[in-house]
PDB file of all heavy atoms in Angstrom:
ATOM      1  N   LYS A   1      -7.609 100.078 -58.340  1.00  0.00           N
ATOM      2  CA  LYS A   1      -7.280  98.903 -57.526  1.00  0.00           C
ATOM      3  C   LYS A   1      -7.715  99.091 -56.065  1.00  0.00           C
ATOM      4  O   LYS A   1      -7.747 100.221 -55.557  1.00  0.00           O
ATOM      5  CB  LYS A   1      -5.755  98.651 -57.551  1.00  0.00           C
ATOM      6  CG  LYS A   1      -5.143  98.567 -58.915  1.00  0.00           C
ATOM      7  CD  LYS A   1      -5.634  97.322 -59.672  1.00  0.00           C
ATOM      8  CE  LYS A   1      -4.904  97.163 -61.002  1.00  0.00           C
ATOM      9  NZ  LYS A   1      -5.400  95.994 -61.769  1.00  0.00           N
ATOM     10  N   LEU A   2      -8.046  97.969 -55.407  1.00  0.00           N
ATOM     11  CA  LEU A   2      -8.298  97.988 -53.977  1.00  0.00           C
ATOM     12  C   LEU A   2      -7.025  97.539 -53.262  1.00  0.00           C
ATOM     13  O   LEU A   2      -6.433  96.519 -53.642  1.00  0.00           O
ATOM     14  CB  LEU A   2      -9.448  97.064 -53.622  1.00  0.00           C
ATOM     15  CG  LEU A   2     -10.848  97.487 -54.035  1.00  0.00           C
ATOM     16  CD1 LEU A   2     -11.884  96.477 -53.556  1.00  0.00           C
ATOM     17  CD2 LEU A   2     -11.192  98.871 -53.503  1.00  0.00           C
ATOM     18  N   VAL A   3      -6.620  98.292 -52.253  1.00  0.00           N
ATOM     19  CA  VAL A   3      -5.317  98.083 -51.620  1.00  0.00           C
ATOM     20  C   VAL A   3      -5.497  97.683 -50.164  1.00  0.00           C
ATOM     21  O   VAL A   3      -6.327  98.255 -49.450  1.00  0.00           O
ATOM     22  CB  VAL A   3      -4.444  99.351 -51.712  1.00  0.00           C
ATOM     23  CG1 VAL A   3      -3.074  99.125 -51.040  1.00  0.00           C
ATOM     24  CG2 VAL A   3      -4.271  99.770 -53.161  1.00  0.00           C
ATOM     25  N   ALA A   4      -4.720  96.695 -49.716  1.00  0.00           N
ATOM     26  CA  ALA A   4      -4.687  96.287 -48.298  1.00  0.00           C
ATOM     27  C   ALA A   4      -3.260  96.378 -47.790  1.00  0.00           C
ATOM     28  O   ALA A   4      -2.313  96.123 -48.520  1.00  0.00           O
ATOM     29  CB  ALA A   4      -5.201  94.835 -48.155  1.00  0.00           C
ATOM     30  N   MET A   5      -3.141  96.768 -46.500  1.00  0.00           N
ATOM     31  CA  MET A   5      -1.808  96.820 -45.886  1.00  0.00           C
ATOM     32  C   MET A   5      -1.913  96.622 -44.401  1.00  0.00           C
ATOM     33  O   MET A   5      -3.010  96.693 -43.826  1.00  0.00           O
ATOM     34  CB  MET A   5      -1.092  98.125 -46.198  1.00  0.00           C
ATOM     35  CG  MET A   5      -1.613  99.335 -45.435  1.00  0.00           C
ATOM     36  SD  MET A   5      -0.405 100.689 -45.445  1.00  0.00           S
ATOM     37  CE  MET A   5       0.888 100.016 -44.363  1.00  0.00           C
ATOM     38  N   THR A   6      -0.764  96.332 -43.760  1.00  0.00           N
ATOM     39  CA  THR A   6      -0.716  96.188 -42.326  1.00  0.00           C
ATOM     40  C   THR A   6       0.229  97.263 -41.760  1.00  0.00           C
ATOM     41  O   THR A   6       1.082  97.803 -42.483  1.00  0.00           O
ATOM     42  CB  THR A   6      -0.177  94.815 -41.914  1.00  0.00           C
ATOM     43  OG1 THR A   6       1.158  94.650 -42.436  1.00  0.00           O
ATOM     44  CG2 THR A   6      -1.049  93.706 -42.432  1.00  0.00           C
ATOM     45  N   GLY A   7       0.075  97.531 -40.467  1.00  0.00           N
ATOM     46  CA  GLY A   7       0.952  98.488 -39.799  1.00  0.00           C
ATOM     47  C   GLY A   7       0.718  98.490 -38.307  1.00  0.00           C
ATOM     48  O   GLY A   7      -0.315  98.011 -37.831  1.00  0.00           O
ATOM     49  N   ASP A   8       1.688  99.022 -37.547  1.00  0.00           N
ATOM     50  CA  ASP A   8       1.516  99.067 -36.095  1.00  0.00           C
ATOM     51  C   ASP A   8       1.975 100.386 -35.484  1.00  0.00           C
ATOM     52  O   ASP A   8       1.668 100.649 -34.330  1.00  0.00           O
ATOM     53  CB  ASP A   8       2.281  97.904 -35.439  1.00  0.00           C
ATOM     54  CG  ASP A   8       3.781  97.964 -35.720  1.00  0.00           C
ATOM     55  OD1 ASP A   8       4.220  98.891 -36.454  1.00  0.00           O
ATOM     56  OD2 ASP A   8       4.494  97.103 -35.190  1.00  0.00           O
ATOM     57  N   GLY A   9       2.704 101.190 -36.212  1.00  0.00           N
ATOM     58  CA  GLY A   9       3.235 102.419 -35.642  1.00  0.00           C
ATOM     59  C   GLY A   9       2.405 103.655 -35.997  1.00  0.00           C
ATOM     60  O   GLY A   9       1.563 103.630 -36.908  1.00  0.00           O
ATOM     61  N   THR A  10       2.650 104.733 -35.288  1.00  0.00           N
ATOM     62  CA  THR A  10       1.976 106.001 -35.578  1.00  0.00           C
ATOM     63  C   THR A  10       2.288 106.449 -36.993  1.00  0.00           C
ATOM     64  O   THR A  10       1.426 107.021 -37.702  1.00  0.00           O
ATOM     65  CB  THR A  10       2.397 107.061 -34.578  1.00  0.00           C
ATOM     66  OG1 THR A  10       2.077 106.626 -33.260  1.00  0.00           O
ATOM     67  CG2 THR A  10       1.711 108.401 -34.836  1.00  0.00           C
ATOM     68  N   ASN A  11       3.511 106.172 -37.472  1.00  0.00           N
ATOM     69  CA  ASN A  11       3.887 106.571 -38.836  1.00  0.00           C
ATOM     70  C   ASN A  11       3.133 105.771 -39.889  1.00  0.00           C
ATOM     71  O   ASN A  11       3.124 106.155 -41.058  1.00  0.00           O
ATOM     72  CB  ASN A  11       5.386 106.460 -39.027  1.00  0.00           C
ATOM     73  CG  ASN A  11       5.870 105.039 -38.899  1.00  0.00           C
ATOM     74  OD1 ASN A  11       5.231 104.206 -38.259  1.00  0.00           O
ATOM     75  ND2 ASN A  11       7.006 104.733 -39.504  1.00  0.00           N
ATOM     76  N   ASP A  12       2.514 104.648 -39.503  1.00  0.00           N
ATOM     77  CA  ASP A  12       1.725 103.854 -40.454  1.00  0.00           C
ATOM     78  C   ASP A  12       0.288 104.338 -40.552  1.00  0.00           C
ATOM     79  O   ASP A  12      -0.452 103.912 -41.457  1.00  0.00           O
ATOM     80  CB  ASP A  12       1.709 102.383 -40.021  1.00  0.00           C
ATOM     81  CG  ASP A  12       3.089 101.711 -40.158  1.00  0.00           C
ATOM     82  OD1 ASP A  12       3.789 102.030 -41.128  1.00  0.00           O
ATOM     83  OD2 ASP A  12       3.423 100.903 -39.292  1.00  0.00           O
ATOM     84  N   ALA A  13      -0.148 105.171 -39.594  1.00  0.00           N
ATOM     85  CA  ALA A  13      -1.561 105.564 -39.522  1.00  0.00           C
ATOM     86  C   ALA A  13      -2.085 106.194 -40.810  1.00  0.00           C
ATOM     87  O   ALA A  13      -3.166 105.840 -41.253  1.00  0.00           O
ATOM     88  CB  ALA A  13      -1.774 106.499 -38.321  1.00  0.00           C
ATOM     89  N   PRO A  14      -1.361 107.163 -41.428  1.00  0.00           N
ATOM     90  CA  PRO A  14      -1.891 107.742 -42.666  1.00  0.00           C
ATOM     91  C   PRO A  14      -2.136 106.715 -43.762  1.00  0.00           C
ATOM     92  O   PRO A  14      -3.167 106.737 -44.447  1.00  0.00           O
ATOM     93  CB  PRO A  14      -0.812 108.743 -43.069  1.00  0.00           C
ATOM     94  CG  PRO A  14      -0.091 109.091 -41.793  1.00  0.00           C
ATOM     95  CD  PRO A  14      -0.107 107.791 -41.030  1.00  0.00           C
ATOM     96  N   ALA A  15      -1.188 105.767 -43.938  1.00  0.00           N
ATOM     97  CA  ALA A  15      -1.348 104.757 -44.968  1.00  0.00           C
ATOM     98  C   ALA A  15      -2.469 103.782 -44.634  1.00  0.00           C
ATOM     99  O   ALA A  15      -3.198 103.343 -45.528  1.00  0.00           O
ATOM    100  CB  ALA A  15      -0.012 104.009 -45.163  1.00  0.00           C
ATOM    101  N   LEU A  16      -2.623 103.434 -43.343  1.00  0.00           N
ATOM    102  CA  LEU A  16      -3.699 102.530 -42.935  1.00  0.00           C
ATOM    103  C   LEU A  16      -5.063 103.178 -43.218  1.00  0.00           C
ATOM    104  O   LEU A  16      -5.995 102.529 -43.644  1.00  0.00           O
ATOM    105  CB  LEU A  16      -3.584 102.210 -41.449  1.00  0.00           C
ATOM    106  CG  LEU A  16      -2.457 101.255 -41.046  1.00  0.00           C
ATOM    107  CD1 LEU A  16      -2.331 101.198 -39.533  1.00  0.00           C
ATOM    108  CD2 LEU A  16      -2.735  99.856 -41.600  1.00  0.00           C
ATOM    109  N   ALA A  17      -5.167 104.494 -42.958  1.00  0.00           N
ATOM    110  CA  ALA A  17      -6.396 105.200 -43.197  1.00  0.00           C
ATOM    111  C   ALA A  17      -6.698 105.298 -44.694  1.00  0.00           C
ATOM    112  O   ALA A  17      -7.865 105.258 -45.097  1.00  0.00           O
ATOM    113  CB  ALA A  17      -6.362 106.573 -42.557  1.00  0.00           C
ATOM    114  N   GLN A  18      -5.675 105.435 -45.505  1.00  0.00           N
ATOM    115  CA  GLN A  18      -5.871 105.597 -46.948  1.00  0.00           C
ATOM    116  C   GLN A  18      -6.201 104.288 -47.631  1.00  0.00           C
ATOM    117  O   GLN A  18      -6.965 104.261 -48.596  1.00  0.00           O
ATOM    118  CB  GLN A  18      -4.595 106.197 -47.564  1.00  0.00           C
ATOM    119  CG  GLN A  18      -4.667 106.399 -49.062  1.00  0.00           C
ATOM    120  CD  GLN A  18      -5.692 107.443 -49.470  1.00  0.00           C
ATOM    121  OE1 GLN A  18      -5.879 108.438 -48.777  1.00  0.00           O
ATOM    122  NE2 GLN A  18      -6.363 107.230 -50.593  1.00  0.00           N
ATOM    123  N   SER A  19      -5.677 103.159 -47.132  1.00  0.00           N
ATOM    124  CA  SER A  19      -5.900 101.885 -47.790  1.00  0.00           C
ATOM    125  C   SER A  19      -7.339 101.429 -47.619  1.00  0.00           C
ATOM    126  O   SER A  19      -8.034 101.823 -46.687  1.00  0.00           O
ATOM    127  CB  SER A  19      -4.931 100.819 -47.204  1.00  0.00           C
ATOM    128  OG  SER A  19      -5.100 100.690 -45.814  1.00  0.00           O
ATOM    129  N   ASP A  20      -7.767 100.574 -48.539  1.00  0.00           N
ATOM    130  CA  ASP A  20      -9.156 100.072 -48.493  1.00  0.00           C
ATOM    131  C   ASP A  20      -9.319  99.057 -47.350  1.00  0.00           C
ATOM    132  O   ASP A  20     -10.391  98.982 -46.746  1.00  0.00           O
ATOM    133  CB  ASP A  20      -9.511  99.405 -49.827  1.00  0.00           C
ATOM    134  CG  ASP A  20      -9.401 100.395 -50.979  1.00  0.00           C
ATOM    135  OD1 ASP A  20     -10.300 101.261 -51.094  1.00  0.00           O
ATOM    136  OD2 ASP A  20      -8.418 100.319 -51.739  1.00  0.00           O
ATOM    137  N   VAL A  21      -8.292  98.273 -47.075  1.00  0.00           N
ATOM    138  CA  VAL A  21      -8.281  97.334 -45.958  1.00  0.00           C
ATOM    139  C   VAL A  21      -7.006  97.632 -45.156  1.00  0.00           C
ATOM    140  O   VAL A  21      -5.909  97.297 -45.596  1.00  0.00           O
ATOM    141  CB  VAL A  21      -8.281  95.878 -46.403  1.00  0.00           C
ATOM    142  CG1 VAL A  21      -8.284  94.932 -45.200  1.00  0.00           C
ATOM    143  CG2 VAL A  21      -9.519  95.607 -47.277  1.00  0.00           C
ATOM    144  N   GLY A  22      -7.164  98.278 -44.009  1.00  0.00           N
ATOM    145  CA  GLY A  22      -6.023  98.619 -43.164  1.00  0.00           C
ATOM    146  C   GLY A  22      -6.064  97.771 -41.898  1.00  0.00           C
ATOM    147  O   GLY A  22      -6.975  97.918 -41.098  1.00  0.00           O
ATOM    148  N   VAL A  23      -5.100  96.888 -41.740  1.00  0.00           N
ATOM    149  CA  VAL A  23      -5.051  95.973 -40.590  1.00  0.00           C
ATOM    150  C   VAL A  23      -4.001  96.471 -39.627  1.00  0.00           C
ATOM    151  O   VAL A  23      -2.808  96.432 -39.893  1.00  0.00           O
ATOM    152  CB  VAL A  23      -4.707  94.535 -41.034  1.00  0.00           C
ATOM    153  CG1 VAL A  23      -4.786  93.592 -39.847  1.00  0.00           C
ATOM    154  CG2 VAL A  23      -5.681  94.057 -42.113  1.00  0.00           C
ATOM    155  N   ALA A  24      -4.465  96.951 -38.455  1.00  0.00           N
ATOM    156  CA  ALA A  24      -3.561  97.444 -37.428  1.00  0.00           C
ATOM    157  C   ALA A  24      -3.266  96.337 -36.439  1.00  0.00           C
ATOM    158  O   ALA A  24      -4.121  95.512 -36.134  1.00  0.00           O
ATOM    159  CB  ALA A  24      -4.183  98.635 -36.704  1.00  0.00           C
ATOM    160  N   MET A  25      -2.036  96.316 -35.937  1.00  0.00           N
ATOM    161  CA  MET A  25      -1.641  95.324 -34.934  1.00  0.00           C
ATOM    162  C   MET A  25      -2.163  95.767 -33.573  1.00  0.00           C
ATOM    163  O   MET A  25      -2.077  96.945 -33.200  1.00  0.00           O
ATOM    164  CB  MET A  25      -0.120  95.196 -34.859  1.00  0.00           C
ATOM    165  CG  MET A  25       0.543  94.767 -36.169  1.00  0.00           C
ATOM    166  SD  MET A  25       0.069  93.129 -36.742  1.00  0.00           S
ATOM    167  CE  MET A  25      -1.139  93.533 -38.013  1.00  0.00           C
ATOM    168  N   ASN A  26      -2.696  94.793 -32.805  1.00  0.00           N
ATOM    169  CA  ASN A  26      -3.199  95.117 -31.487  1.00  0.00           C
ATOM    170  C   ASN A  26      -2.096  95.630 -30.548  1.00  0.00           C
ATOM    171  O   ASN A  26      -2.361  96.385 -29.641  1.00  0.00           O
ATOM    172  CB  ASN A  26      -3.838  93.856 -30.854  1.00  0.00           C
ATOM    173  CG  ASN A  26      -4.552  94.151 -29.557  1.00  0.00           C
ATOM    174  OD1 ASN A  26      -5.232  95.171 -29.438  1.00  0.00           O
ATOM    175  ND2 ASN A  26      -4.395  93.288 -28.572  1.00  0.00           N
ATOM    176  N   SER A  27      -0.853  95.227 -30.811  1.00  0.00           N
ATOM    177  CA  SER A  27       0.275  95.662 -29.988  1.00  0.00           C
ATOM    178  C   SER A  27       0.755  97.030 -30.399  1.00  0.00           C
ATOM    179  O   SER A  27       1.645  97.595 -29.751  1.00  0.00           O
ATOM    180  CB  SER A  27       1.425  94.655 -30.095  1.00  0.00           C
ATOM    181  OG  SER A  27       1.871  94.581 -31.472  1.00  0.00           O
ATOM    182  N   GLY A  28       0.187  97.593 -31.468  1.00  0.00           N
ATOM    183  CA  GLY A  28       0.652  98.874 -31.976  1.00  0.00           C
ATOM    184  C   GLY A  28       0.057 100.057 -31.215  1.00  0.00           C
ATOM    185  O   GLY A  28      -0.594  99.916 -30.190  1.00  0.00           O
ATOM    186  N   THR A  29       0.263 101.233 -31.778  1.00  0.00           N
ATOM    187  CA  THR A  29      -0.173 102.445 -31.151  1.00  0.00           C
ATOM    188  C   THR A  29      -1.677 102.642 -31.326  1.00  0.00           C
ATOM    189  O   THR A  29      -2.299 102.074 -32.225  1.00  0.00           O
ATOM    190  CB  THR A  29       0.565 103.677 -31.733  1.00  0.00           C
ATOM    191  OG1 THR A  29       0.234 103.774 -33.130  1.00  0.00           O
ATOM    192  CG2 THR A  29       2.075 103.530 -31.579  1.00  0.00           C
ATOM    193  N   GLN A  30      -2.236 103.473 -30.470  1.00  0.00           N
ATOM    194  CA  GLN A  30      -3.650 103.787 -30.561  1.00  0.00           C
ATOM    195  C   GLN A  30      -3.973 104.470 -31.878  1.00  0.00           C
ATOM    196  O   GLN A  30      -5.025 104.241 -32.485  1.00  0.00           O
ATOM    197  CB  GLN A  30      -4.055 104.692 -29.391  1.00  0.00           C
ATOM    198  CG  GLN A  30      -5.553 104.851 -29.216  1.00  0.00           C
ATOM    199  CD  GLN A  30      -6.271 103.572 -28.810  1.00  0.00           C
ATOM    200  OE1 GLN A  30      -5.642 102.698 -28.213  1.00  0.00           O
ATOM    201  NE2 GLN A  30      -7.543 103.457 -29.091  1.00  0.00           N
ATOM    202  N   ALA A  31      -3.055 105.304 -32.360  1.00  0.00           N
ATOM    203  CA  ALA A  31      -3.276 106.009 -33.633  1.00  0.00           C
ATOM    204  C   ALA A  31      -3.414 105.018 -34.788  1.00  0.00           C
ATOM    205  O   ALA A  31      -4.271 105.181 -35.650  1.00  0.00           O
ATOM    206  CB  ALA A  31      -2.116 106.964 -33.895  1.00  0.00           C
ATOM    207  N   ALA A  32      -2.585 103.964 -34.775  1.00  0.00           N
ATOM    208  CA  ALA A  32      -2.657 102.961 -35.818  1.00  0.00           C
ATOM    209  C   ALA A  32      -3.973 102.211 -35.765  1.00  0.00           C
ATOM    210  O   ALA A  32      -4.617 101.948 -36.798  1.00  0.00           O
ATOM    211  CB  ALA A  32      -1.476 101.980 -35.721  1.00  0.00           C
ATOM    212  N   LYS A  33      -4.422 101.847 -34.556  1.00  0.00           N
ATOM    213  CA  LYS A  33      -5.663 101.075 -34.397  1.00  0.00           C
ATOM    214  C   LYS A  33      -6.879 101.897 -34.808  1.00  0.00           C
ATOM    215  O   LYS A  33      -7.856 101.384 -35.329  1.00  0.00           O
ATOM    216  CB  LYS A  33      -5.792 100.566 -32.971  1.00  0.00           C
ATOM    217  CG  LYS A  33      -4.801  99.454 -32.647  1.00  0.00           C
ATOM    218  CD  LYS A  33      -5.170  98.679 -31.399  1.00  0.00           C
ATOM    219  CE  LYS A  33      -4.854  99.411 -30.144  1.00  0.00           C
ATOM    220  NZ  LYS A  33      -5.029  98.565 -28.932  1.00  0.00           N
ATOM    221  N   GLU A  34      -6.819 103.199 -34.542  1.00  0.00           N
ATOM    222  CA  GLU A  34      -7.953 104.047 -34.926  1.00  0.00           C
ATOM    223  C   GLU A  34      -7.960 104.319 -36.432  1.00  0.00           C
ATOM    224  O   GLU A  34      -9.028 104.547 -37.010  1.00  0.00           O
ATOM    225  CB  GLU A  34      -7.878 105.376 -34.166  1.00  0.00           C
ATOM    226  CG  GLU A  34      -8.158 105.223 -32.675  1.00  0.00           C
ATOM    227  CD  GLU A  34      -8.004 106.538 -31.910  1.00  0.00           C
ATOM    228  OE1 GLU A  34      -7.573 107.525 -32.530  1.00  0.00           O
ATOM    229  OE2 GLU A  34      -8.323 106.579 -30.699  1.00  0.00           O
ATOM    230  N   ALA A  35      -6.801 104.280 -37.068  1.00  0.00           N
ATOM    231  CA  ALA A  35      -6.732 104.559 -38.499  1.00  0.00           C
ATOM    232  C   ALA A  35      -7.175 103.378 -39.335  1.00  0.00           C
ATOM    233  O   ALA A  35      -7.789 103.537 -40.391  1.00  0.00           O
ATOM    234  CB  ALA A  35      -5.303 104.945 -38.872  1.00  0.00           C
ATOM    235  N   GLY A  36      -6.888 102.137 -38.883  1.00  0.00           N
ATOM    236  CA  GLY A  36      -7.235 100.954 -39.646  1.00  0.00           C
ATOM    237  C   GLY A  36      -8.704 100.602 -39.491  1.00  0.00           C
ATOM    238  O   GLY A  36      -9.391 101.099 -38.602  1.00  0.00           O
ATOM    239  N   ASN A  37      -9.195  99.738 -40.379  1.00  0.00           N
ATOM    240  CA  ASN A  37     -10.583  99.277 -40.236  1.00  0.00           C
ATOM    241  C   ASN A  37     -10.640  97.812 -39.772  1.00  0.00           C
ATOM    242  O   ASN A  37     -11.702  97.216 -39.732  1.00  0.00           O
ATOM    243  CB  ASN A  37     -11.367  99.450 -41.544  1.00  0.00           C
ATOM    244  CG  ASN A  37     -10.633  98.920 -42.743  1.00  0.00           C
ATOM    245  OD1 ASN A  37      -9.781  98.040 -42.631  1.00  0.00           O
ATOM    246  ND2 ASN A  37     -10.979  99.431 -43.924  1.00  0.00           N
ATOM    247  N   MET A  38      -9.488  97.253 -39.417  1.00  0.00           N
ATOM    248  CA  MET A  38      -9.384  95.952 -38.769  1.00  0.00           C
ATOM    249  C   MET A  38      -8.256  96.002 -37.749  1.00  0.00           C
ATOM    250  O   MET A  38      -7.290  96.737 -37.927  1.00  0.00           O
ATOM    251  CB  MET A  38      -9.112  94.825 -39.777  1.00  0.00           C
ATOM    252  CG  MET A  38     -10.241  94.514 -40.717  1.00  0.00           C
ATOM    253  SD  MET A  38      -9.871  93.010 -41.678  1.00  0.00           S
ATOM    254  CE  MET A  38     -11.262  93.013 -42.827  1.00  0.00           C
ATOM    255  N   VAL A  39      -8.400  95.175 -36.705  1.00  0.00           N
ATOM    256  CA  VAL A  39      -7.345  95.048 -35.705  1.00  0.00           C
ATOM    257  C   VAL A  39      -7.032  93.575 -35.549  1.00  0.00           C
ATOM    258  O   VAL A  39      -7.920  92.766 -35.298  1.00  0.00           O
ATOM    259  CB  VAL A  39      -7.756  95.644 -34.341  1.00  0.00           C
ATOM    260  CG1 VAL A  39      -6.654  95.416 -33.307  1.00  0.00           C
ATOM    261  CG2 VAL A  39      -8.055  97.144 -34.481  1.00  0.00           C
ATOM    262  N   ASP A  40      -5.762  93.228 -35.718  1.00  0.00           N
ATOM    263  CA  ASP A  40      -5.316  91.833 -35.507  1.00  0.00           C
ATOM    264  C   ASP A  40      -4.917  91.660 -34.050  1.00  0.00           C
ATOM    265  O   ASP A  40      -3.915  92.208 -33.605  1.00  0.00           O
ATOM    266  CB  ASP A  40      -4.141  91.535 -36.442  1.00  0.00           C
ATOM    267  CG  ASP A  40      -3.564  90.129 -36.217  1.00  0.00           C
ATOM    268  OD1 ASP A  40      -4.284  89.299 -35.629  1.00  0.00           O
ATOM    269  OD2 ASP A  40      -2.418  89.901 -36.612  1.00  0.00           O
ATOM    270  N   LEU A  41      -5.699  90.876 -33.321  1.00  0.00           N
ATOM    271  CA  LEU A  41      -5.448  90.706 -31.883  1.00  0.00           C
ATOM    272  C   LEU A  41      -4.142  89.936 -31.633  1.00  0.00           C
ATOM    273  O   LEU A  41      -3.551  90.101 -30.556  1.00  0.00           O
ATOM    274  CB  LEU A  41      -6.620  89.962 -31.256  1.00  0.00           C
ATOM    275  CG  LEU A  41      -7.991  90.607 -31.426  1.00  0.00           C
ATOM    276  CD1 LEU A  41      -9.058  89.768 -30.751  1.00  0.00           C
ATOM    277  CD2 LEU A  41      -8.004  92.010 -30.917  1.00  0.00           C
ATOM    278  N   ASP A  42      -3.707  89.136 -32.581  1.00  0.00           N
ATOM    279  CA  ASP A  42      -2.477  88.371 -32.421  1.00  0.00           C
ATOM    280  C   ASP A  42      -1.246  89.180 -32.788  1.00  0.00           C
ATOM    281  O   ASP A  42      -0.114  88.741 -32.568  1.00  0.00           O
ATOM    282  CB  ASP A  42      -2.506  87.093 -33.274  1.00  0.00           C
ATOM    283  CG  ASP A  42      -3.565  86.113 -32.814  1.00  0.00           C
ATOM    284  OD1 ASP A  42      -3.904  86.142 -31.638  1.00  0.00           O
ATOM    285  OD2 ASP A  42      -4.046  85.347 -33.649  1.00  0.00           O
ATOM    286  N   SER A  43      -1.456  90.342 -33.404  1.00  0.00           N
ATOM    287  CA  SER A  43      -0.339  91.182 -33.857  1.00  0.00           C
ATOM    288  C   SER A  43       0.607  90.394 -34.754  1.00  0.00           C
ATOM    289  O   SER A  43       1.831  90.451 -34.610  1.00  0.00           O
ATOM    290  CB  SER A  43       0.413  91.775 -32.655  1.00  0.00           C
ATOM    291  OG  SER A  43      -0.422  92.589 -31.881  1.00  0.00           O
ATOM    292  N   ASN A  44       0.014  89.640 -35.674  1.00  0.00           N
ATOM    293  CA  ASN A  44       0.792  88.818 -36.613  1.00  0.00           C
ATOM    294  C   ASN A  44       0.651  89.420 -38.006  1.00  0.00           C
ATOM    295  O   ASN A  44      -0.404  89.330 -38.619  1.00  0.00           O
ATOM    296  CB  ASN A  44       0.262  87.393 -36.604  1.00  0.00           C
ATOM    297  CG  ASN A  44       0.962  86.507 -37.629  1.00  0.00           C
ATOM    298  OD1 ASN A  44       1.938  86.891 -38.241  1.00  0.00           O
ATOM    299  ND2 ASN A  44       0.432  85.325 -37.826  1.00  0.00           N
TER     300      ASN A  44
END
């Protein structure tokens, strides 16, 4: 399966990096934004 998830905290970074589509919130931590492969500028 291909998995997608969202997150904004440092504790979400490992899961964002592991998922096929990791959407980090722009309001979140730098670690989360670096781990995901997308950034939601609206943090929605």
